[in-house]
N, C-alpha and C. Protein backbone atom coordinates (compact mmCIF):
# COMPACT_ATOMS: atom_id res chain seq x y z
N MET A 1 -11.42 -53.90 5.99
CA MET A 1 -11.41 -52.87 4.98
C MET A 1 -11.46 -53.54 3.61
N LYS A 2 -12.22 -52.98 2.71
CA LYS A 2 -12.35 -53.54 1.37
C LYS A 2 -11.09 -53.29 0.57
N ASN A 3 -10.87 -54.13 -0.45
CA ASN A 3 -9.71 -53.98 -1.33
C ASN A 3 -9.73 -52.62 -2.02
N SER A 4 -10.90 -52.15 -2.43
CA SER A 4 -10.98 -50.87 -3.13
C SER A 4 -10.56 -49.72 -2.21
N ASP A 5 -10.81 -49.84 -0.89
CA ASP A 5 -10.41 -48.80 0.06
C ASP A 5 -8.90 -48.77 0.23
N LYS A 6 -8.22 -49.93 0.13
CA LYS A 6 -6.78 -50.00 0.30
C LYS A 6 -6.04 -49.36 -0.87
N ASN A 7 -6.63 -49.39 -2.05
CA ASN A 7 -5.98 -48.89 -3.25
C ASN A 7 -6.24 -47.41 -3.51
N ARG A 8 -6.99 -46.76 -2.69
CA ARG A 8 -7.30 -45.36 -2.92
C ARG A 8 -6.06 -44.49 -2.71
N LYS A 9 -5.96 -43.47 -3.52
CA LYS A 9 -4.82 -42.56 -3.43
C LYS A 9 -4.90 -41.70 -2.17
N TYR A 10 -6.09 -41.29 -1.80
CA TYR A 10 -6.28 -40.45 -0.62
C TYR A 10 -6.80 -41.29 0.53
N LYS A 11 -6.31 -40.96 1.69
CA LYS A 11 -6.76 -41.66 2.89
C LYS A 11 -8.16 -41.16 3.24
N VAL A 12 -9.09 -42.08 3.34
CA VAL A 12 -10.48 -41.71 3.62
C VAL A 12 -10.81 -42.20 5.02
N GLN A 13 -11.42 -41.31 5.78
CA GLN A 13 -11.84 -41.69 7.13
C GLN A 13 -13.35 -41.52 7.23
N ARG A 14 -13.94 -42.40 7.97
CA ARG A 14 -15.37 -42.27 8.22
C ARG A 14 -15.55 -41.59 9.56
N THR A 15 -16.47 -40.63 9.60
CA THR A 15 -16.75 -39.97 10.87
C THR A 15 -17.90 -40.69 11.54
N LYS A 16 -18.22 -40.26 12.76
CA LYS A 16 -19.29 -40.95 13.48
C LYS A 16 -20.65 -40.76 12.82
N TYR A 17 -20.74 -39.79 11.90
CA TYR A 17 -22.00 -39.56 11.21
C TYR A 17 -22.08 -40.29 9.88
N GLY A 18 -20.99 -40.99 9.51
CA GLY A 18 -21.01 -41.77 8.29
C GLY A 18 -20.57 -41.01 7.05
N THR A 19 -20.19 -39.74 7.19
CA THR A 19 -19.74 -38.98 6.02
C THR A 19 -18.26 -39.23 5.79
N LEU A 20 -17.83 -39.00 4.56
CA LEU A 20 -16.44 -39.23 4.21
C LEU A 20 -15.64 -37.92 4.31
N GLN A 21 -14.41 -38.02 4.76
CA GLN A 21 -13.51 -36.88 4.83
C GLN A 21 -12.25 -37.20 4.05
N LEU A 22 -11.81 -36.31 3.22
CA LEU A 22 -10.55 -36.48 2.51
C LEU A 22 -9.48 -35.74 3.31
N VAL A 23 -8.68 -36.48 4.02
CA VAL A 23 -7.71 -35.91 4.93
C VAL A 23 -6.67 -35.07 4.19
N LYS A 24 -6.14 -35.57 3.09
CA LYS A 24 -5.14 -34.80 2.35
C LYS A 24 -5.72 -33.52 1.78
N LEU A 25 -6.94 -33.58 1.29
CA LEU A 25 -7.59 -32.40 0.76
C LEU A 25 -7.80 -31.36 1.86
N TYR A 26 -8.17 -31.82 3.03
CA TYR A 26 -8.35 -30.93 4.17
C TYR A 26 -7.04 -30.26 4.54
N LYS A 27 -5.95 -31.04 4.56
CA LYS A 27 -4.65 -30.48 4.89
C LYS A 27 -4.23 -29.46 3.84
N LEU A 28 -4.45 -29.78 2.57
CA LEU A 28 -4.11 -28.85 1.50
C LEU A 28 -4.91 -27.55 1.63
N ALA A 29 -6.18 -27.67 1.92
CA ALA A 29 -7.03 -26.49 2.09
C ALA A 29 -6.54 -25.65 3.27
N THR A 30 -6.14 -26.30 4.35
CA THR A 30 -5.65 -25.60 5.53
C THR A 30 -4.36 -24.85 5.21
N VAL A 31 -3.44 -25.51 4.54
CA VAL A 31 -2.18 -24.87 4.17
C VAL A 31 -2.44 -23.70 3.22
N SER A 32 -3.32 -23.90 2.25
CA SER A 32 -3.66 -22.82 1.32
C SER A 32 -4.25 -21.63 2.05
N TYR A 33 -5.12 -21.88 2.98
CA TYR A 33 -5.73 -20.81 3.77
C TYR A 33 -4.66 -20.05 4.54
N LEU A 34 -3.73 -20.76 5.16
CA LEU A 34 -2.67 -20.10 5.92
C LEU A 34 -1.76 -19.26 5.02
N VAL A 35 -1.47 -19.77 3.83
CA VAL A 35 -0.65 -19.01 2.89
C VAL A 35 -1.38 -17.74 2.46
N LEU A 36 -2.65 -17.85 2.14
CA LEU A 36 -3.43 -16.67 1.74
C LEU A 36 -3.54 -15.66 2.88
N LEU A 37 -3.77 -16.15 4.08
CA LEU A 37 -3.87 -15.26 5.24
C LEU A 37 -2.55 -14.53 5.47
N THR A 38 -1.45 -15.24 5.39
CA THR A 38 -0.13 -14.64 5.56
C THR A 38 0.13 -13.61 4.47
N SER A 39 -0.21 -13.93 3.23
CA SER A 39 -0.03 -12.99 2.12
C SER A 39 -0.84 -11.72 2.36
N TYR A 40 -2.06 -11.88 2.79
CA TYR A 40 -2.91 -10.73 3.06
C TYR A 40 -2.32 -9.86 4.15
N LEU A 41 -1.88 -10.48 5.23
CA LEU A 41 -1.32 -9.72 6.34
C LEU A 41 -0.04 -9.00 5.93
N LEU A 42 0.80 -9.66 5.14
CA LEU A 42 2.04 -9.03 4.71
C LEU A 42 1.80 -7.93 3.69
N SER A 43 0.75 -8.05 2.90
CA SER A 43 0.47 -7.02 1.90
C SER A 43 -0.05 -5.74 2.53
N SER A 44 -0.48 -5.81 3.76
CA SER A 44 -0.98 -4.61 4.43
C SER A 44 0.10 -3.96 5.28
N CYS A 45 1.36 -4.14 4.87
CA CYS A 45 2.47 -3.49 5.56
C CYS A 45 2.30 -1.98 5.46
N TYR A 46 3.04 -1.28 6.23
CA TYR A 46 3.04 0.18 6.28
C TYR A 46 1.77 0.75 6.88
N SER A 47 0.99 -0.05 7.55
CA SER A 47 -0.21 0.46 8.18
C SER A 47 -0.15 0.19 9.68
N PHE A 48 0.15 1.23 10.43
CA PHE A 48 0.27 1.11 11.88
C PHE A 48 -0.92 1.77 12.56
N LYS A 49 -1.26 1.29 13.73
CA LYS A 49 -2.34 1.89 14.50
C LYS A 49 -1.81 2.87 15.55
N ASP A 50 -0.53 2.73 15.93
CA ASP A 50 0.06 3.61 16.93
C ASP A 50 0.42 4.94 16.28
N VAL A 51 -0.25 6.00 16.73
CA VAL A 51 -0.02 7.32 16.19
C VAL A 51 0.61 8.16 17.29
N SER A 52 1.71 8.82 16.94
CA SER A 52 2.44 9.63 17.90
C SER A 52 2.27 11.11 17.56
N ILE A 53 1.53 11.82 18.42
CA ILE A 53 1.26 13.24 18.22
C ILE A 53 1.48 13.95 19.55
N GLU A 54 2.17 15.08 19.51
CA GLU A 54 2.35 15.87 20.72
C GLU A 54 0.99 16.28 21.28
N PRO A 55 0.85 16.29 22.61
CA PRO A 55 -0.45 16.66 23.21
C PRO A 55 -0.92 18.06 22.83
N GLU A 56 0.03 18.97 22.55
CA GLU A 56 -0.34 20.35 22.21
C GLU A 56 -0.86 20.49 20.77
N ALA A 57 -0.56 19.53 19.95
CA ALA A 57 -0.94 19.61 18.53
C ALA A 57 -2.45 19.42 18.38
N LYS A 58 -3.06 20.37 17.69
CA LYS A 58 -4.51 20.33 17.47
C LYS A 58 -4.89 20.43 15.99
N THR A 59 -4.01 21.05 15.19
CA THR A 59 -4.38 21.33 13.79
C THR A 59 -3.33 20.81 12.81
N VAL A 60 -3.79 20.55 11.60
CA VAL A 60 -2.91 20.12 10.51
C VAL A 60 -3.37 20.80 9.23
N ARG A 61 -2.39 21.22 8.44
CA ARG A 61 -2.69 21.74 7.11
C ARG A 61 -2.02 20.82 6.11
N ILE A 62 -2.79 20.29 5.18
CA ILE A 62 -2.26 19.42 4.13
C ILE A 62 -2.50 20.14 2.81
N SER A 63 -1.43 20.65 2.25
CA SER A 63 -1.52 21.40 1.00
C SER A 63 -1.65 20.43 -0.17
N TYR A 64 -2.18 20.94 -1.27
CA TYR A 64 -2.33 20.16 -2.49
C TYR A 64 -0.96 19.68 -2.95
N ILE A 65 -0.84 18.41 -3.27
CA ILE A 65 0.42 17.82 -3.74
C ILE A 65 0.48 17.99 -5.25
N ASP A 66 1.30 18.95 -5.68
CA ASP A 66 1.44 19.26 -7.11
C ASP A 66 2.13 18.13 -7.86
N ASN A 67 1.82 18.02 -9.15
CA ASN A 67 2.48 17.03 -9.99
C ASN A 67 3.48 17.75 -10.89
N ARG A 68 4.76 17.56 -10.61
CA ARG A 68 5.82 18.20 -11.40
C ARG A 68 6.69 17.16 -12.11
N ALA A 69 6.17 15.98 -12.27
CA ALA A 69 6.91 14.91 -12.93
C ALA A 69 6.93 15.12 -14.44
N ARG A 70 7.83 14.42 -15.11
CA ARG A 70 7.92 14.51 -16.57
C ARG A 70 6.66 13.96 -17.23
N ILE A 71 6.16 12.86 -16.71
CA ILE A 71 4.91 12.28 -17.20
C ILE A 71 3.85 12.59 -16.16
N ILE A 72 2.72 13.10 -16.60
CA ILE A 72 1.67 13.52 -15.67
C ILE A 72 0.51 12.53 -15.71
N ASN A 73 0.23 11.92 -14.57
CA ASN A 73 -1.02 11.17 -14.40
C ASN A 73 -2.02 12.19 -13.88
N PRO A 74 -3.02 12.55 -14.67
CA PRO A 74 -3.91 13.66 -14.32
C PRO A 74 -4.72 13.45 -13.03
N ASN A 75 -4.86 12.23 -12.58
CA ASN A 75 -5.64 11.95 -11.37
C ASN A 75 -4.81 11.81 -10.11
N LEU A 76 -3.52 11.61 -10.26
CA LEU A 76 -2.69 11.23 -9.12
C LEU A 76 -2.59 12.31 -8.04
N SER A 77 -2.36 13.56 -8.41
CA SER A 77 -2.20 14.62 -7.41
C SER A 77 -3.43 14.76 -6.53
N GLN A 78 -4.58 14.87 -7.17
CA GLN A 78 -5.82 15.05 -6.40
C GLN A 78 -6.11 13.84 -5.52
N ARG A 79 -5.97 12.65 -6.08
CA ARG A 79 -6.27 11.44 -5.31
C ARG A 79 -5.32 11.25 -4.15
N LEU A 80 -4.03 11.53 -4.36
CA LEU A 80 -3.04 11.39 -3.29
C LEU A 80 -3.30 12.42 -2.19
N THR A 81 -3.58 13.65 -2.58
CA THR A 81 -3.89 14.69 -1.59
C THR A 81 -5.13 14.32 -0.79
N ASP A 82 -6.19 13.93 -1.47
CA ASP A 82 -7.45 13.57 -0.80
C ASP A 82 -7.27 12.38 0.15
N LYS A 83 -6.55 11.37 -0.31
CA LYS A 83 -6.35 10.16 0.51
C LYS A 83 -5.52 10.47 1.75
N LEU A 84 -4.49 11.30 1.60
CA LEU A 84 -3.67 11.69 2.76
C LEU A 84 -4.51 12.50 3.75
N ARG A 85 -5.29 13.44 3.25
CA ARG A 85 -6.17 14.23 4.14
C ARG A 85 -7.14 13.32 4.88
N GLN A 86 -7.76 12.42 4.15
CA GLN A 86 -8.73 11.50 4.74
C GLN A 86 -8.08 10.64 5.82
N LYS A 87 -6.91 10.11 5.55
CA LYS A 87 -6.22 9.24 6.52
C LYS A 87 -5.85 10.02 7.78
N VAL A 88 -5.32 11.22 7.61
CA VAL A 88 -4.92 12.02 8.77
C VAL A 88 -6.14 12.38 9.62
N ILE A 89 -7.22 12.78 8.99
CA ILE A 89 -8.43 13.15 9.74
C ILE A 89 -9.06 11.94 10.42
N ASN A 90 -9.10 10.80 9.72
CA ASN A 90 -9.74 9.61 10.28
C ASN A 90 -8.90 8.90 11.34
N GLN A 91 -7.58 9.00 11.28
CA GLN A 91 -6.74 8.23 12.18
C GLN A 91 -5.98 9.06 13.21
N THR A 92 -6.25 10.35 13.24
CA THR A 92 -5.65 11.20 14.28
C THR A 92 -6.74 12.06 14.88
N ARG A 93 -6.39 12.79 15.92
CA ARG A 93 -7.35 13.71 16.56
C ARG A 93 -7.19 15.13 16.03
N LEU A 94 -6.36 15.31 15.01
CA LEU A 94 -6.07 16.63 14.47
C LEU A 94 -7.23 17.14 13.62
N SER A 95 -7.43 18.46 13.68
CA SER A 95 -8.43 19.13 12.84
C SER A 95 -7.73 19.75 11.65
N GLN A 96 -8.32 19.60 10.49
CA GLN A 96 -7.73 20.18 9.29
C GLN A 96 -8.02 21.67 9.23
N THR A 97 -7.03 22.44 8.81
CA THR A 97 -7.18 23.89 8.69
C THR A 97 -6.39 24.37 7.49
N ASN A 98 -6.69 25.57 7.02
CA ASN A 98 -5.92 26.21 5.96
C ASN A 98 -5.04 27.32 6.52
N ASN A 99 -4.99 27.41 7.83
CA ASN A 99 -4.22 28.43 8.53
C ASN A 99 -2.72 28.19 8.33
N ASP A 100 -1.97 29.26 8.06
CA ASP A 100 -0.53 29.16 7.88
C ASP A 100 0.19 28.75 9.16
N GLU A 101 -0.46 28.86 10.29
CA GLU A 101 0.16 28.54 11.58
C GLU A 101 -0.34 27.21 12.15
N ALA A 102 -0.75 26.31 11.30
CA ALA A 102 -1.19 24.98 11.76
C ALA A 102 -0.03 24.33 12.52
N HIS A 103 -0.35 23.53 13.51
CA HIS A 103 0.69 22.86 14.30
C HIS A 103 1.53 21.93 13.42
N TYR A 104 0.88 21.22 12.52
CA TYR A 104 1.57 20.36 11.56
C TYR A 104 1.25 20.88 10.17
N ASP A 105 2.26 21.00 9.33
CA ASP A 105 2.07 21.48 7.96
C ASP A 105 2.71 20.47 7.01
N ILE A 106 1.90 19.90 6.12
CA ILE A 106 2.36 18.88 5.18
C ILE A 106 2.16 19.42 3.76
N SER A 107 3.25 19.45 3.01
CA SER A 107 3.17 19.87 1.61
C SER A 107 4.09 18.97 0.79
N GLY A 108 3.94 19.05 -0.52
CA GLY A 108 4.80 18.20 -1.34
C GLY A 108 4.47 18.29 -2.80
N GLN A 109 5.19 17.47 -3.55
CA GLN A 109 4.98 17.41 -4.99
C GLN A 109 5.44 16.06 -5.52
N ILE A 110 4.77 15.64 -6.58
CA ILE A 110 5.19 14.43 -7.28
C ILE A 110 6.34 14.87 -8.19
N THR A 111 7.53 14.33 -7.94
CA THR A 111 8.71 14.80 -8.67
C THR A 111 9.13 13.85 -9.78
N ASP A 112 8.73 12.60 -9.69
CA ASP A 112 9.13 11.65 -10.72
C ASP A 112 8.02 10.63 -10.95
N TYR A 113 7.82 10.29 -12.22
CA TYR A 113 6.78 9.35 -12.63
C TYR A 113 7.22 8.82 -13.98
N TYR A 114 7.78 7.61 -13.99
CA TYR A 114 8.31 7.09 -15.24
C TYR A 114 8.25 5.57 -15.26
N VAL A 115 8.43 5.00 -16.45
CA VAL A 115 8.35 3.56 -16.64
C VAL A 115 9.70 3.05 -17.12
N THR A 116 10.13 1.92 -16.55
CA THR A 116 11.34 1.23 -17.00
C THR A 116 10.99 -0.24 -17.25
N THR A 117 11.84 -0.92 -17.97
CA THR A 117 11.68 -2.36 -18.17
C THR A 117 12.31 -3.06 -16.98
N SER A 118 11.58 -3.99 -16.38
CA SER A 118 12.12 -4.68 -15.21
C SER A 118 12.30 -6.18 -15.44
N GLY A 119 11.76 -6.70 -16.53
CA GLY A 119 11.91 -8.12 -16.81
C GLY A 119 11.90 -8.38 -18.30
N ILE A 120 12.81 -9.26 -18.74
CA ILE A 120 12.92 -9.58 -20.17
C ILE A 120 12.76 -11.08 -20.35
N SER A 121 11.99 -11.45 -21.36
CA SER A 121 11.80 -12.86 -21.69
C SER A 121 11.84 -12.98 -23.21
N ASN A 122 12.61 -13.92 -23.70
CA ASN A 122 12.75 -14.13 -25.16
C ASN A 122 13.15 -12.84 -25.87
N GLN A 123 14.06 -12.11 -25.28
CA GLN A 123 14.60 -10.87 -25.83
C GLN A 123 13.54 -9.78 -26.03
N GLN A 124 12.47 -9.85 -25.24
CA GLN A 124 11.43 -8.82 -25.26
C GLN A 124 11.08 -8.45 -23.83
N ALA A 125 10.62 -7.22 -23.65
CA ALA A 125 10.19 -6.79 -22.33
C ALA A 125 9.00 -7.64 -21.89
N ALA A 126 9.09 -8.22 -20.71
CA ALA A 126 7.99 -9.02 -20.17
C ALA A 126 7.29 -8.29 -19.04
N THR A 127 8.06 -7.49 -18.32
CA THR A 127 7.52 -6.74 -17.19
C THR A 127 8.06 -5.33 -17.22
N ASN A 128 7.18 -4.38 -16.99
CA ASN A 128 7.57 -2.97 -16.86
C ASN A 128 7.37 -2.55 -15.42
N ARG A 129 8.05 -1.49 -15.05
CA ARG A 129 7.95 -0.98 -13.68
C ARG A 129 7.62 0.50 -13.71
N LEU A 130 6.54 0.85 -13.03
CA LEU A 130 6.17 2.24 -12.85
C LEU A 130 6.85 2.74 -11.58
N ASN A 131 7.64 3.79 -11.71
CA ASN A 131 8.37 4.37 -10.58
C ASN A 131 7.75 5.72 -10.25
N VAL A 132 7.38 5.91 -8.99
CA VAL A 132 6.74 7.15 -8.56
C VAL A 132 7.50 7.70 -7.36
N THR A 133 7.86 8.98 -7.42
CA THR A 133 8.54 9.64 -6.31
C THR A 133 7.74 10.87 -5.90
N VAL A 134 7.53 10.99 -4.60
CA VAL A 134 6.83 12.14 -4.03
C VAL A 134 7.77 12.79 -3.02
N HIS A 135 8.00 14.09 -3.17
CA HIS A 135 8.83 14.86 -2.24
C HIS A 135 7.88 15.50 -1.22
N ILE A 136 8.09 15.21 0.06
CA ILE A 136 7.23 15.72 1.12
C ILE A 136 8.02 16.62 2.06
N VAL A 137 7.40 17.74 2.43
CA VAL A 137 7.96 18.64 3.44
C VAL A 137 6.98 18.63 4.61
N PHE A 138 7.49 18.21 5.78
CA PHE A 138 6.67 18.17 7.00
C PHE A 138 7.26 19.17 7.99
N LYS A 139 6.42 20.12 8.41
CA LYS A 139 6.84 21.11 9.40
C LYS A 139 6.05 20.86 10.68
N ASN A 140 6.78 20.62 11.75
CA ASN A 140 6.19 20.45 13.08
C ASN A 140 6.48 21.75 13.83
N ARG A 141 5.47 22.59 13.99
CA ARG A 141 5.68 23.89 14.61
C ARG A 141 5.76 23.81 16.14
N ILE A 142 5.50 22.64 16.68
CA ILE A 142 5.63 22.45 18.13
C ILE A 142 7.04 21.98 18.47
N ASP A 143 7.58 21.08 17.70
CA ASP A 143 8.92 20.54 17.91
C ASP A 143 9.64 20.50 16.57
N ASP A 144 10.38 21.56 16.26
CA ASP A 144 11.02 21.69 14.96
C ASP A 144 12.01 20.57 14.66
N LYS A 145 12.52 19.88 15.68
CA LYS A 145 13.45 18.77 15.47
C LYS A 145 12.77 17.60 14.76
N LYS A 146 11.46 17.55 14.81
CA LYS A 146 10.72 16.47 14.15
C LYS A 146 10.30 16.84 12.72
N SER A 147 10.60 18.06 12.31
CA SER A 147 10.32 18.47 10.93
C SER A 147 11.28 17.75 10.00
N PHE A 148 10.85 17.50 8.78
CA PHE A 148 11.73 16.84 7.81
C PHE A 148 11.30 17.16 6.39
N GLU A 149 12.20 16.87 5.48
CA GLU A 149 11.95 16.99 4.05
C GLU A 149 12.57 15.76 3.42
N THR A 150 11.79 14.96 2.71
CA THR A 150 12.31 13.70 2.16
C THR A 150 11.51 13.25 0.94
N ASP A 151 12.10 12.31 0.21
CA ASP A 151 11.45 11.70 -0.94
C ASP A 151 10.93 10.31 -0.57
N PHE A 152 9.76 9.99 -1.09
CA PHE A 152 9.18 8.65 -0.96
C PHE A 152 9.07 8.09 -2.38
N THR A 153 9.74 6.97 -2.61
CA THR A 153 9.73 6.35 -3.94
C THR A 153 9.16 4.95 -3.82
N ARG A 154 8.24 4.65 -4.69
CA ARG A 154 7.63 3.32 -4.75
C ARG A 154 7.68 2.83 -6.20
N ASN A 155 7.80 1.51 -6.34
CA ASN A 155 7.85 0.88 -7.66
C ASN A 155 6.70 -0.11 -7.79
N PHE A 156 6.10 -0.15 -8.96
CA PHE A 156 4.94 -1.00 -9.21
C PHE A 156 5.12 -1.70 -10.54
N ASP A 157 5.23 -3.03 -10.50
CA ASP A 157 5.43 -3.82 -11.71
C ASP A 157 4.10 -4.11 -12.41
N PHE A 158 4.16 -4.16 -13.74
CA PHE A 158 2.98 -4.52 -14.53
C PHE A 158 3.44 -5.19 -15.82
N SER A 159 2.55 -5.93 -16.44
CA SER A 159 2.87 -6.67 -17.66
C SER A 159 3.23 -5.71 -18.79
N ALA A 160 4.26 -6.07 -19.53
CA ALA A 160 4.69 -5.25 -20.66
C ALA A 160 3.68 -5.27 -21.80
N THR A 161 2.71 -6.16 -21.73
CA THR A 161 1.67 -6.19 -22.77
C THR A 161 0.65 -5.07 -22.57
N LEU A 162 0.70 -4.41 -21.41
CA LEU A 162 -0.23 -3.31 -21.12
C LEU A 162 0.40 -1.98 -21.49
N SER A 163 -0.42 -1.06 -21.97
CA SER A 163 0.06 0.30 -22.18
C SER A 163 0.12 0.99 -20.81
N LEU A 164 0.76 2.15 -20.76
CA LEU A 164 0.84 2.89 -19.50
C LEU A 164 -0.57 3.26 -19.02
N ASN A 165 -1.43 3.66 -19.93
CA ASN A 165 -2.81 4.02 -19.54
C ASN A 165 -3.55 2.81 -18.94
N GLN A 166 -3.37 1.65 -19.55
CA GLN A 166 -4.01 0.44 -19.01
C GLN A 166 -3.44 0.10 -17.64
N ALA A 167 -2.13 0.21 -17.48
CA ALA A 167 -1.49 -0.09 -16.19
C ALA A 167 -1.95 0.89 -15.13
N GLU A 168 -2.05 2.16 -15.49
CA GLU A 168 -2.50 3.18 -14.53
C GLU A 168 -3.91 2.88 -14.04
N ALA A 169 -4.75 2.39 -14.92
CA ALA A 169 -6.13 2.08 -14.53
C ALA A 169 -6.16 1.06 -13.41
N SER A 170 -5.24 0.11 -13.45
CA SER A 170 -5.24 -0.92 -12.41
C SER A 170 -4.31 -0.61 -11.25
N LEU A 171 -3.33 0.27 -11.45
CA LEU A 171 -2.33 0.52 -10.41
C LEU A 171 -2.54 1.79 -9.59
N THR A 172 -3.32 2.74 -10.08
CA THR A 172 -3.42 4.03 -9.39
C THR A 172 -3.90 3.89 -7.95
N ASP A 173 -4.89 3.05 -7.70
CA ASP A 173 -5.35 2.86 -6.32
C ASP A 173 -4.22 2.35 -5.43
N LEU A 174 -3.45 1.41 -5.93
CA LEU A 174 -2.33 0.85 -5.17
C LEU A 174 -1.24 1.89 -4.95
N VAL A 175 -0.94 2.68 -5.96
CA VAL A 175 0.06 3.75 -5.85
C VAL A 175 -0.36 4.73 -4.76
N VAL A 176 -1.60 5.19 -4.83
CA VAL A 176 -2.11 6.16 -3.86
C VAL A 176 -2.09 5.57 -2.45
N GLN A 177 -2.57 4.33 -2.29
CA GLN A 177 -2.62 3.71 -0.96
C GLN A 177 -1.22 3.54 -0.37
N ASN A 178 -0.30 3.00 -1.14
CA ASN A 178 1.05 2.75 -0.63
C ASN A 178 1.78 4.04 -0.26
N LEU A 179 1.69 5.04 -1.13
CA LEU A 179 2.36 6.31 -0.83
C LEU A 179 1.72 7.01 0.37
N THR A 180 0.41 6.98 0.44
CA THR A 180 -0.29 7.58 1.58
C THR A 180 0.14 6.92 2.88
N ASP A 181 0.14 5.60 2.90
CA ASP A 181 0.54 4.87 4.12
C ASP A 181 1.98 5.20 4.51
N GLU A 182 2.86 5.23 3.53
CA GLU A 182 4.27 5.49 3.83
C GLU A 182 4.47 6.91 4.37
N ILE A 183 3.83 7.89 3.76
CA ILE A 183 3.93 9.28 4.22
C ILE A 183 3.34 9.41 5.62
N PHE A 184 2.15 8.87 5.82
CA PHE A 184 1.48 8.93 7.12
C PHE A 184 2.35 8.30 8.21
N ASN A 185 2.87 7.12 7.94
CA ASN A 185 3.66 6.42 8.95
C ASN A 185 4.96 7.15 9.27
N ARG A 186 5.55 7.77 8.28
CA ARG A 186 6.79 8.53 8.54
C ARG A 186 6.51 9.72 9.44
N ILE A 187 5.38 10.37 9.24
CA ILE A 187 5.03 11.55 10.03
C ILE A 187 4.54 11.17 11.43
N PHE A 188 3.65 10.20 11.50
CA PHE A 188 2.95 9.94 12.76
C PHE A 188 3.39 8.70 13.52
N SER A 189 4.27 7.88 12.94
CA SER A 189 4.69 6.67 13.65
C SER A 189 6.17 6.65 13.98
N ASN A 190 6.86 7.74 13.72
CA ASN A 190 8.27 7.89 14.07
C ASN A 190 9.14 6.75 13.57
N TRP A 191 9.03 6.40 12.29
CA TRP A 191 9.94 5.37 11.75
C TRP A 191 10.56 5.86 10.48
């Protein structure tokens, strides 16, 4: 081995084809890939494939989710309602109806939507938190014991350098997705 090869910071190996491989770089890339893959998998929490529906259930009514919060995001009600309808139709065998006697009846309202400071740096707000609460009423007309009424609250941090309008532009999709998944899983995954 040449003197210059002994002094190299990275261990270099020659393959049978004569190309060079940086072993440490390969290991770093592998670890980075595993960290990213794990982060991706963990970020998709609240999404289950096992759906639990009584065999007799055929229809669902999902009413418009009204916005009754102190601060109104004008897009949130419609987007949340549409996303929940889409998820239920795409991931269950239920047919959507407007009939008052639907087997499953889902209604609700956005009851809280506000911003708090969640992080301070140098005596100034560094991070703000958007807090969103949705009150959901689920009526199971086949098995009333499975009916419930509950609040779903999610928090979303954003930089304090952003206005609420700027934060909403980047967070609304995440708010809608997380709340939809949580509502869907509570109704159809029995958790």
